[in-house]
Amino acid sequence: MAITPKLGGKITSSHGTTTDASAEVVNLITRLPEVTKISLGEIRHVSGGRRDIKFLPISGGVKAVVRGNGAVQYVFIYTKDIEKVTKLIVDSFEVSPK
């Protein structure tokens, strides 16, 4: 189910909805002072419902690939403290057992 977050502040409006799994990540990182901007990517439907998160470096931050309940969404997180932000996300995001 897609969720429409409150846009403005740190969240840009290129794509206005999040998946349930991405919403958890966005709600967590919105409150972090280390995060300067969040850009939501498009939602792609995939088979299966395994929850997982992966991180890829980008200029100025990290791209989180968030998978859950039959959908994948990229969340671009702009921060100067990538290690701290990714650790907080990993510690709070529950992945499916492999």
PDB file of N, CA and C in Angstrom:
ATOM      1  N   MET A   1       0.843  -1.181   0.000  1.00  0.00           N
ATOM      2  CA  MET A   1       0.000   0.000   0.000  1.00  0.00           C
ATOM      3  C   MET A   1       0.884   1.238   0.000  1.00  0.00           C
ATOM      4  N   ALA A   2       0.626   2.151  -0.893  1.00  0.00           N
ATOM      5  CA  ALA A   2       1.408   3.374  -0.986  1.00  0.00           C
ATOM      6  C   ALA A   2       0.941   4.375   0.063  1.00  0.00           C
ATOM      7  N   ILE A   3       1.900   5.075   0.620  1.00  0.00           N
ATOM      8  CA  ILE A   3       1.633   6.074   1.651  1.00  0.00           C
ATOM      9  C   ILE A   3       2.138   7.414   1.148  1.00  0.00           C
ATOM     10  N   THR A   4       1.366   8.459   1.353  1.00  0.00           N
ATOM     11  CA  THR A   4       1.783   9.799   0.957  1.00  0.00           C
ATOM     12  C   THR A   4       2.348  10.514   2.179  1.00  0.00           C
ATOM     13  N   PRO A   5       3.677  10.743   2.205  1.00  0.00           N
ATOM     14  CA  PRO A   5       4.266  11.447   3.350  1.00  0.00           C
ATOM     15  C   PRO A   5       4.007  12.944   3.248  1.00  0.00           C
ATOM     16  N   LYS A   6       4.200  13.622   4.346  1.00  0.00           N
ATOM     17  CA  LYS A   6       4.091  15.076   4.345  1.00  0.00           C
ATOM     18  C   LYS A   6       5.308  15.635   3.620  1.00  0.00           C
ATOM     19  N   LEU A   7       5.073  16.283   2.483  1.00  0.00           N
ATOM     20  CA  LEU A   7       6.165  16.831   1.699  1.00  0.00           C
ATOM     21  C   LEU A   7       6.611  18.164   2.281  1.00  0.00           C
ATOM     22  N   GLY A   8       7.775  18.592   1.877  1.00  0.00           N
ATOM     23  CA  GLY A   8       8.332  19.832   2.391  1.00  0.00           C
ATOM     24  C   GLY A   8       9.418  19.518   3.392  1.00  0.00           C
ATOM     25  N   GLY A   9      10.086  20.523   3.869  1.00  0.00           N
ATOM     26  CA  GLY A   9      11.182  20.284   4.794  1.00  0.00           C
ATOM     27  C   GLY A   9      12.292  19.534   4.083  1.00  0.00           C
ATOM     28  N   LYS A  10      12.620  18.337   4.558  1.00  0.00           N
ATOM     29  CA  LYS A  10      13.703  17.555   3.991  1.00  0.00           C
ATOM     30  C   LYS A  10      13.277  16.701   2.809  1.00  0.00           C
ATOM     31  N   ILE A  11      11.988  16.462   2.630  1.00  0.00           N
ATOM     32  CA  ILE A  11      11.503  15.553   1.588  1.00  0.00           C
ATOM     33  C   ILE A  11      11.167  16.325   0.327  1.00  0.00           C
ATOM     34  N   THR A  12      11.809  15.931  -0.793  1.00  0.00           N
ATOM     35  CA  THR A  12      11.504  16.556  -2.074  1.00  0.00           C
ATOM     36  C   THR A  12      10.288  15.885  -2.693  1.00  0.00           C
ATOM     37  N   SER A  13       9.683  16.524  -3.668  1.00  0.00           N
ATOM     38  CA  SER A  13       8.407  16.043  -4.187  1.00  0.00           C
ATOM     39  C   SER A  13       8.492  15.429  -5.585  1.00  0.00           C
ATOM     40  N   SER A  14       9.628  14.830  -5.952  1.00  0.00           N
ATOM     41  CA  SER A  14       9.710  14.211  -7.275  1.00  0.00           C
ATOM     42  C   SER A  14       8.743  13.039  -7.398  1.00  0.00           C
ATOM     43  N   HIS A  15       8.617  12.247  -6.382  1.00  0.00           N
ATOM     44  CA  HIS A  15       7.609  11.193  -6.286  1.00  0.00           C
ATOM     45  C   HIS A  15       6.959  11.364  -4.924  1.00  0.00           C
ATOM     46  N   GLY A  16       5.655  11.428  -4.877  1.00  0.00           N
ATOM     47  CA  GLY A  16       4.971  11.803  -3.643  1.00  0.00           C
ATOM     48  C   GLY A  16       4.502  10.676  -2.754  1.00  0.00           C
ATOM     49  N   THR A  17       4.802   9.412  -3.108  1.00  0.00           N
ATOM     50  CA  THR A  17       4.337   8.322  -2.258  1.00  0.00           C
ATOM     51  C   THR A  17       5.487   7.412  -1.866  1.00  0.00           C
ATOM     52  N   THR A  18       5.267   6.656  -0.799  1.00  0.00           N
ATOM     53  CA  THR A  18       6.236   5.667  -0.351  1.00  0.00           C
ATOM     54  C   THR A  18       5.522   4.339  -0.141  1.00  0.00           C
ATOM     55  N   THR A  19       6.286   3.264  -0.156  1.00  0.00           N
ATOM     56  CA  THR A  19       5.748   1.969   0.235  1.00  0.00           C
ATOM     57  C   THR A  19       5.724   1.917   1.754  1.00  0.00           C
ATOM     58  N   ASP A  20       5.078   0.892   2.304  1.00  0.00           N
ATOM     59  CA  ASP A  20       5.057   0.746   3.761  1.00  0.00           C
ATOM     60  C   ASP A  20       6.477   0.641   4.324  1.00  0.00           C
ATOM     61  N   ALA A  21       7.318  -0.171   3.664  1.00  0.00           N
ATOM     62  CA  ALA A  21       8.693  -0.354   4.134  1.00  0.00           C
ATOM     63  C   ALA A  21       9.492   0.943   4.030  1.00  0.00           C
ATOM     64  N   SER A  22       9.349   1.661   2.919  1.00  0.00           N
ATOM     65  CA  SER A  22      10.071   2.928   2.748  1.00  0.00           C
ATOM     66  C   SER A  22       9.586   3.982   3.732  1.00  0.00           C
ATOM     67  N   ALA A  23       8.296   3.950   4.057  1.00  0.00           N
ATOM     68  CA  ALA A  23       7.743   4.916   5.006  1.00  0.00           C
ATOM     69  C   ALA A  23       8.420   4.787   6.366  1.00  0.00           C
ATOM     70  N   GLU A  24       8.733   3.556   6.767  1.00  0.00           N
ATOM     71  CA  GLU A  24       9.443   3.358   8.036  1.00  0.00           C
ATOM     72  C   GLU A  24      10.798   4.054   8.016  1.00  0.00           C
ATOM     73  N   VAL A  25      11.517   3.893   6.914  1.00  0.00           N
ATOM     74  CA  VAL A  25      12.836   4.510   6.780  1.00  0.00           C
ATOM     75  C   VAL A  25      12.713   6.031   6.755  1.00  0.00           C
ATOM     76  N   VAL A  26      11.790   6.544   5.960  1.00  0.00           N
ATOM     77  CA  VAL A  26      11.612   7.993   5.824  1.00  0.00           C
ATOM     78  C   VAL A  26      11.213   8.622   7.161  1.00  0.00           C
ATOM     79  N   ASN A  27      10.295   7.991   7.881  1.00  0.00           N
ATOM     80  CA  ASN A  27       9.883   8.522   9.188  1.00  0.00           C
ATOM     81  C   ASN A  27      11.049   8.582  10.167  1.00  0.00           C
ATOM     82  N   LEU A  28      11.936   7.594  10.106  1.00  0.00           N
ATOM     83  CA  LEU A  28      13.100   7.587  10.990  1.00  0.00           C
ATOM     84  C   LEU A  28      14.093   8.685  10.619  1.00  0.00           C
ATOM     85  N   ILE A  29      14.465   8.764   9.351  1.00  0.00           N
ATOM     86  CA  ILE A  29      15.538   9.679   8.961  1.00  0.00           C
ATOM     87  C   ILE A  29      15.109  11.132   8.881  1.00  0.00           C
ATOM     88  N   THR A  30      13.817  11.391   8.789  1.00  0.00           N
ATOM     89  CA  THR A  30      13.340  12.776   8.757  1.00  0.00           C
ATOM     90  C   THR A  30      13.730  13.514  10.036  1.00  0.00           C
ATOM     91  N   ARG A  31      13.780  12.792  11.130  1.00  0.00           N
ATOM     92  CA  ARG A  31      14.088  13.399  12.440  1.00  0.00           C
ATOM     93  C   ARG A  31      15.580  13.566  12.706  1.00  0.00           C
ATOM     94  N   LEU A  32      16.430  12.993  11.865  1.00  0.00           N
ATOM     95  CA  LEU A  32      17.870  13.046  12.106  1.00  0.00           C
ATOM     96  C   LEU A  32      18.468  14.367  11.632  1.00  0.00           C
ATOM     97  N   PRO A  33      19.204  15.060  12.493  1.00  0.00           N
ATOM     98  CA  PRO A  33      19.822  16.324  12.069  1.00  0.00           C
ATOM     99  C   PRO A  33      20.926  16.112  11.031  1.00  0.00           C
ATOM    100  N   GLU A  34      21.492  14.899  10.948  1.00  0.00           N
ATOM    101  CA  GLU A  34      22.553  14.609   9.980  1.00  0.00           C
ATOM    102  C   GLU A  34      22.022  14.533   8.547  1.00  0.00           C
ATOM    103  N   VAL A  35      20.731  14.301   8.387  1.00  0.00           N
ATOM    104  CA  VAL A  35      20.125  14.173   7.058  1.00  0.00           C
ATOM    105  C   VAL A  35      19.672  15.556   6.598  1.00  0.00           C
ATOM    106  N   THR A  36      20.164  15.968   5.418  1.00  0.00           N
ATOM    107  CA  THR A  36      19.819  17.291   4.906  1.00  0.00           C
ATOM    108  C   THR A  36      18.700  17.255   3.873  1.00  0.00           C
ATOM    109  N   LYS A  37      18.580  16.131   3.127  1.00  0.00           N
ATOM    110  CA  LYS A  37      17.539  16.035   2.105  1.00  0.00           C
ATOM    111  C   LYS A  37      17.199  14.576   1.854  1.00  0.00           C
ATOM    112  N   ILE A  38      15.919  14.319   1.533  1.00  0.00           N
ATOM    113  CA  ILE A  38      15.442  12.982   1.190  1.00  0.00           C
ATOM    114  C   ILE A  38      14.698  13.104  -0.139  1.00  0.00           C
ATOM    115  N   SER A  39      15.087  12.273  -1.085  1.00  0.00           N
ATOM    116  CA  SER A  39      14.410  12.272  -2.380  1.00  0.00           C
ATOM    117  C   SER A  39      13.839  10.878  -2.610  1.00  0.00           C
ATOM    118  N   LEU A  40      12.536  10.811  -2.851  1.00  0.00           N
ATOM    119  CA  LEU A  40      11.855   9.537  -3.032  1.00  0.00           C
ATOM    120  C   LEU A  40      11.881   9.124  -4.497  1.00  0.00           C
ATOM    121  N   GLY A  41      12.249   7.872  -4.756  1.00  0.00           N
ATOM    122  CA  GLY A  41      12.240   7.338  -6.110  1.00  0.00           C
ATOM    123  C   GLY A  41      10.913   6.663  -6.416  1.00  0.00           C
ATOM    124  N   GLU A  42      10.768   6.236  -7.664  1.00  0.00           N
ATOM    125  CA  GLU A  42       9.524   5.588  -8.067  1.00  0.00           C
ATOM    126  C   GLU A  42       9.385   4.220  -7.399  1.00  0.00           C
ATOM    127  N   ILE A  43       8.161   3.750  -7.332  1.00  0.00           N
ATOM    128  CA  ILE A  43       7.857   2.442  -6.759  1.00  0.00           C
ATOM    129  C   ILE A  43       7.748   1.443  -7.907  1.00  0.00           C
ATOM    130  N   ARG A  44       8.508   0.339  -7.792  1.00  0.00           N
ATOM    131  CA  ARG A  44       8.430  -0.729  -8.792  1.00  0.00           C
ATOM    132  C   ARG A  44       7.858  -1.971  -8.121  1.00  0.00           C
ATOM    133  N   HIS A  45       6.906  -2.602  -8.769  1.00  0.00           N
ATOM    134  CA  HIS A  45       6.310  -3.816  -8.229  1.00  0.00           C
ATOM    135  C   HIS A  45       7.166  -5.018  -8.610  1.00  0.00           C
ATOM    136  N   VAL A  46       7.402  -5.904  -7.642  1.00  0.00           N
ATOM    137  CA  VAL A  46       8.200  -7.111  -7.845  1.00  0.00           C
ATOM    138  C   VAL A  46       7.463  -8.281  -7.210  1.00  0.00           C
ATOM    139  N   SER A  47       7.837  -9.473  -7.604  1.00  0.00           N
ATOM    140  CA  SER A  47       7.199 -10.640  -7.004  1.00  0.00           C
ATOM    141  C   SER A  47       7.831 -10.928  -5.643  1.00  0.00           C
ATOM    142  N   GLY A  48       7.049 -11.500  -4.773  1.00  0.00           N
ATOM    143  CA  GLY A  48       7.547 -11.836  -3.442  1.00  0.00           C
ATOM    144  C   GLY A  48       7.422 -10.684  -2.468  1.00  0.00           C
ATOM    145  N   GLY A  49       7.511 -10.995  -1.198  1.00  0.00           N
ATOM    146  CA  GLY A  49       7.333  -9.968  -0.188  1.00  0.00           C
ATOM    147  C   GLY A  49       8.454  -9.911   0.821  1.00  0.00           C
ATOM    148  N   ARG A  50       9.654 -10.364   0.439  1.00  0.00           N
ATOM    149  CA  ARG A  50      10.786 -10.367   1.354  1.00  0.00           C
ATOM    150  C   ARG A  50      11.239  -8.940   1.659  1.00  0.00           C
ATOM    151  N   ARG A  51      11.320  -8.601   2.934  1.00  0.00           N
ATOM    152  CA  ARG A  51      11.790  -7.267   3.338  1.00  0.00           C
ATOM    153  C   ARG A  51      13.310  -7.246   3.370  1.00  0.00           C
ATOM    154  N   ASP A  52      13.876  -6.221   2.770  1.00  0.00           N
ATOM    155  CA  ASP A  52      15.328  -6.105   2.744  1.00  0.00           C
ATOM    156  C   ASP A  52      15.688  -4.651   2.471  1.00  0.00           C
ATOM    157  N   ILE A  53      16.910  -4.285   2.809  1.00  0.00           N
ATOM    158  CA  ILE A  53      17.408  -2.938   2.509  1.00  0.00           C
ATOM    159  C   ILE A  53      18.880  -3.043   2.155  1.00  0.00           C
ATOM    160  N   LYS A  54      19.274  -2.322   1.116  1.00  0.00           N
ATOM    161  CA  LYS A  54      20.668  -2.269   0.685  1.00  0.00           C
ATOM    162  C   LYS A  54      21.033  -0.808   0.479  1.00  0.00           C
ATOM    163  N   PHE A  55      22.321  -0.511   0.597  1.00  0.00           N
ATOM    164  CA  PHE A  55      22.800   0.858   0.447  1.00  0.00           C
ATOM    165  C   PHE A  55      23.857   0.929  -0.639  1.00  0.00           C
ATOM    166  N   LEU A  56      23.760   1.965  -1.469  1.00  0.00           N
ATOM    167  CA  LEU A  56      24.742   2.230  -2.512  1.00  0.00           C
ATOM    168  C   LEU A  56      25.200   3.680  -2.370  1.00  0.00           C
ATOM    169  N   PRO A  57      26.524   3.931  -2.439  1.00  0.00           N
ATOM    170  CA  PRO A  57      27.000   5.308  -2.297  1.00  0.00           C
ATOM    171  C   PRO A  57      26.616   6.170  -3.490  1.00  0.00           C
ATOM    172  N   ILE A  58      26.268   7.420  -3.211  1.00  0.00           N
ATOM    173  CA  ILE A  58      26.023   8.425  -4.238  1.00  0.00           C
ATOM    174  C   ILE A  58      26.769   9.685  -3.829  1.00  0.00           C
ATOM    175  N   SER A  59      26.872  10.625  -4.722  1.00  0.00           N
ATOM    176  CA  SER A  59      27.521  11.886  -4.403  1.00  0.00           C
ATOM    177  C   SER A  59      26.688  12.631  -3.358  1.00  0.00           C
ATOM    178  N   GLY A  60      27.252  12.850  -2.195  1.00  0.00           N
ATOM    179  CA  GLY A  60      26.569  13.598  -1.145  1.00  0.00           C
ATOM    180  C   GLY A  60      25.726  12.754  -0.211  1.00  0.00           C
ATOM    181  N   GLY A  61      25.793  11.433  -0.349  1.00  0.00           N
ATOM    182  CA  GLY A  61      24.986  10.607   0.544  1.00  0.00           C
ATOM    183  C   GLY A  61      24.947   9.157   0.143  1.00  0.00           C
ATOM    184  N   VAL A  62      23.748   8.583   0.248  1.00  0.00           N
ATOM    185  CA  VAL A  62      23.580   7.156   0.005  1.00  0.00           C
ATOM    186  C   VAL A  62      22.202   6.901  -0.608  1.00  0.00           C
ATOM    187  N   LYS A  63      22.129   5.882  -1.483  1.00  0.00           N
ATOM    188  CA  LYS A  63      20.850   5.450  -2.047  1.00  0.00           C
ATOM    189  C   LYS A  63      20.442   4.187  -1.314  1.00  0.00           C
ATOM    190  N   ALA A  64      19.280   4.211  -0.677  1.00  0.00           N
ATOM    191  CA  ALA A  64      18.748   3.034   0.000  1.00  0.00           C
ATOM    192  C   ALA A  64      17.777   2.347  -0.950  1.00  0.00           C
ATOM    193  N   VAL A  65      18.001   1.068  -1.184  1.00  0.00           N
ATOM    194  CA  VAL A  65      17.091   0.257  -1.991  1.00  0.00           C
ATOM    195  C   VAL A  65      16.235  -0.517  -0.988  1.00  0.00           C
ATOM    196  N   VAL A  66      14.982  -0.099  -0.845  1.00  0.00           N
ATOM    197  CA  VAL A  66      14.096  -0.648   0.186  1.00  0.00           C
ATOM    198  C   VAL A  66      13.091  -1.581  -0.474  1.00  0.00           C
ATOM    199  N   ARG A  67      13.095  -2.832  -0.033  1.00  0.00           N
ATOM    200  CA  ARG A  67      12.201  -3.835  -0.603  1.00  0.00           C
ATOM    201  C   ARG A  67      11.251  -4.335   0.473  1.00  0.00           C
ATOM    202  N   GLY A  68       9.985  -4.470   0.114  1.00  0.00           N
ATOM    203  CA  GLY A  68       9.015  -5.030   1.045  1.00  0.00           C
ATOM    204  C   GLY A  68       7.660  -5.214   0.415  1.00  0.00           C
ATOM    205  N   ASN A  69       6.965  -6.285   0.787  1.00  0.00           N
ATOM    206  CA  ASN A  69       5.579  -6.548   0.381  1.00  0.00           C
ATOM    207  C   ASN A  69       5.316  -6.340  -1.110  1.00  0.00           C
ATOM    208  N   GLY A  70       6.160  -6.913  -1.956  1.00  0.00           N
ATOM    209  CA  GLY A  70       5.925  -6.885  -3.393  1.00  0.00           C
ATOM    210  C   GLY A  70       6.311  -5.612  -4.103  1.00  0.00           C
ATOM    211  N   ALA A  71       7.099  -4.756  -3.483  1.00  0.00           N
ATOM    212  CA  ALA A  71       7.507  -3.504  -4.125  1.00  0.00           C
ATOM    213  C   ALA A  71       8.922  -3.127  -3.712  1.00  0.00           C
ATOM    214  N   VAL A  72       9.593  -2.406  -4.600  1.00  0.00           N
ATOM    215  CA  VAL A  72      10.929  -1.876  -4.328  1.00  0.00           C
ATOM    216  C   VAL A  72      10.886  -0.376  -4.571  1.00  0.00           C
ATOM    217  N   GLN A  73      11.529   0.378  -3.684  1.00  0.00           N
ATOM    218  CA  GLN A  73      11.614   1.821  -3.863  1.00  0.00           C
ATOM    219  C   GLN A  73      13.008   2.294  -3.491  1.00  0.00           C
ATOM    220  N   TYR A  74      13.542   3.217  -4.289  1.00  0.00           N
ATOM    221  CA  TYR A  74      14.809   3.871  -3.954  1.00  0.00           C
ATOM    222  C   TYR A  74      14.502   5.086  -3.098  1.00  0.00           C
ATOM    223  N   VAL A  75      15.307   5.267  -2.055  1.00  0.00           N
ATOM    224  CA  VAL A  75      15.225   6.465  -1.224  1.00  0.00           C
ATOM    225  C   VAL A  75      16.625   7.066  -1.220  1.00  0.00           C
ATOM    226  N   PHE A  76      16.765   8.253  -1.791  1.00  0.00           N
ATOM    227  CA  PHE A  76      18.057   8.938  -1.841  1.00  0.00           C
ATOM    228  C   PHE A  76      18.190   9.797  -0.580  1.00  0.00           C
ATOM    229  N   ILE A  77      19.232   9.516   0.194  1.00  0.00           N
ATOM    230  CA  ILE A  77      19.436  10.178   1.482  1.00  0.00           C
ATOM    231  C   ILE A  77      20.713  11.009   1.392  1.00  0.00           C
ATOM    232  N   TYR A  78      20.575  12.301   1.576  1.00  0.00           N
ATOM    233  CA  TYR A  78      21.722  13.205   1.505  1.00  0.00           C
ATOM    234  C   TYR A  78      22.180  13.547   2.914  1.00  0.00           C
ATOM    235  N   THR A  79      23.442  13.203   3.206  1.00  0.00           N
ATOM    236  CA  THR A  79      24.000  13.384   4.542  1.00  0.00           C
ATOM    237  C   THR A  79      25.519  13.433   4.461  1.00  0.00           C
ATOM    238  N   LYS A  80      26.124  14.035   5.469  1.00  0.00           N
ATOM    239  CA  LYS A  80      27.588  14.040   5.552  1.00  0.00           C
ATOM    240  C   LYS A  80      28.087  12.914   6.450  1.00  0.00           C
ATOM    241  N   ASP A  81      27.195  12.276   7.198  1.00  0.00           N
ATOM    242  CA  ASP A  81      27.573  11.186   8.094  1.00  0.00           C
ATOM    243  C   ASP A  81      26.871   9.896   7.665  1.00  0.00           C
ATOM    244  N   ILE A  82      27.344   9.335   6.556  1.00  0.00           N
ATOM    245  CA  ILE A  82      26.715   8.159   5.961  1.00  0.00           C
ATOM    246  C   ILE A  82      26.728   6.970   6.922  1.00  0.00           C
ATOM    247  N   GLU A  83      27.850   6.732   7.584  1.00  0.00           N
ATOM    248  CA  GLU A  83      27.968   5.569   8.470  1.00  0.00           C
ATOM    249  C   GLU A  83      26.954   5.616   9.609  1.00  0.00           C
ATOM    250  N   LYS A  84      26.799   6.754  10.231  1.00  0.00           N
ATOM    251  CA  LYS A  84      25.858   6.885  11.348  1.00  0.00           C
ATOM    252  C   LYS A  84      24.418   6.677  10.886  1.00  0.00           C
ATOM    253  N   VAL A  85      24.055   7.306   9.770  1.00  0.00           N
ATOM    254  CA  VAL A  85      22.685   7.219   9.263  1.00  0.00           C
ATOM    255  C   VAL A  85      22.359   5.791   8.839  1.00  0.00           C
ATOM    256  N   THR A  86      23.257   5.143   8.093  1.00  0.00           N
ATOM    257  CA  THR A  86      22.975   3.776   7.657  1.00  0.00           C
ATOM    258  C   THR A  86      22.911   2.809   8.831  1.00  0.00           C
ATOM    259  N   LYS A  87      23.740   3.013   9.842  1.00  0.00           N
ATOM    260  CA  LYS A  87      23.692   2.142  11.027  1.00  0.00           C
ATOM    261  C   LYS A  87      22.355   2.290  11.752  1.00  0.00           C
ATOM    262  N   LEU A  88      21.874   3.514  11.906  1.00  0.00           N
ATOM    263  CA  LEU A  88      20.581   3.729  12.553  1.00  0.00           C
ATOM    264  C   LEU A  88      19.443   3.066  11.772  1.00  0.00           C
ATOM    265  N   ILE A  89      19.502   3.153  10.453  1.00  0.00           N
ATOM    266  CA  ILE A  89      18.461   2.528   9.631  1.00  0.00           C
ATOM    267  C   ILE A  89      18.512   1.011   9.770  1.00  0.00           C
ATOM    268  N   VAL A  90      19.706   0.432   9.646  1.00  0.00           N
ATOM    269  CA  VAL A  90      19.848  -1.023   9.736  1.00  0.00           C
ATOM    270  C   VAL A  90      19.397  -1.532  11.098  1.00  0.00           C
ATOM    271  N   ASP A  91      19.718  -0.804  12.157  1.00  0.00           N
ATOM    272  CA  ASP A  91      19.335  -1.224  13.507  1.00  0.00           C
ATOM    273  C   ASP A  91      17.826  -1.203  13.721  1.00  0.00           C
ATOM    274  N   SER A  92      17.119  -0.344  13.013  1.00  0.00           N
ATOM    275  CA  SER A  92      15.672  -0.223  13.236  1.00  0.00           C
ATOM    276  C   SER A  92      14.818  -0.920  12.177  1.00  0.00           C
ATOM    277  N   PHE A  93      15.404  -1.271  11.024  1.00  0.00           N
ATOM    278  CA  PHE A  93      14.638  -1.885   9.928  1.00  0.00           C
ATOM    279  C   PHE A  93      14.690  -3.394  10.069  1.00  0.00           C
ATOM    280  N   GLU A  94      13.531  -4.015  10.180  1.00  0.00           N
ATOM    281  CA  GLU A  94      13.466  -5.469  10.321  1.00  0.00           C
ATOM    282  C   GLU A  94      13.411  -6.132   8.951  1.00  0.00           C
ATOM    283  N   VAL A  95      14.447  -6.922   8.637  1.00  0.00           N
ATOM    284  CA  VAL A  95      14.486  -7.627   7.364  1.00  0.00           C
ATOM    285  C   VAL A  95      13.889  -9.022   7.526  1.00  0.00           C
ATOM    286  N   SER A  96      13.442  -9.585   6.419  1.00  0.00           N
ATOM    287  CA  SER A  96      12.931 -10.960   6.429  1.00  0.00           C
ATOM    288  C   SER A  96      14.091 -11.928   6.564  1.00  0.00           C
ATOM    289  N   PRO A  97      13.883 -13.048   7.247  1.00  0.00           N
ATOM    290  CA  PRO A  97      14.946 -14.047   7.335  1.00  0.00           C
ATOM    291  C   PRO A  97      15.267 -14.611   5.948  1.00  0.00           C
ATOM    292  N   LYS A  98      16.525 -14.898   5.711  1.00  0.00           N
ATOM    293  CA  LYS A  98      16.944 -15.409   4.389  1.00  0.00           C
ATOM    294  C   LYS A  98      16.902 -16.902   4.363  1.00  0.00           C
TER     295      LYS A  98
END
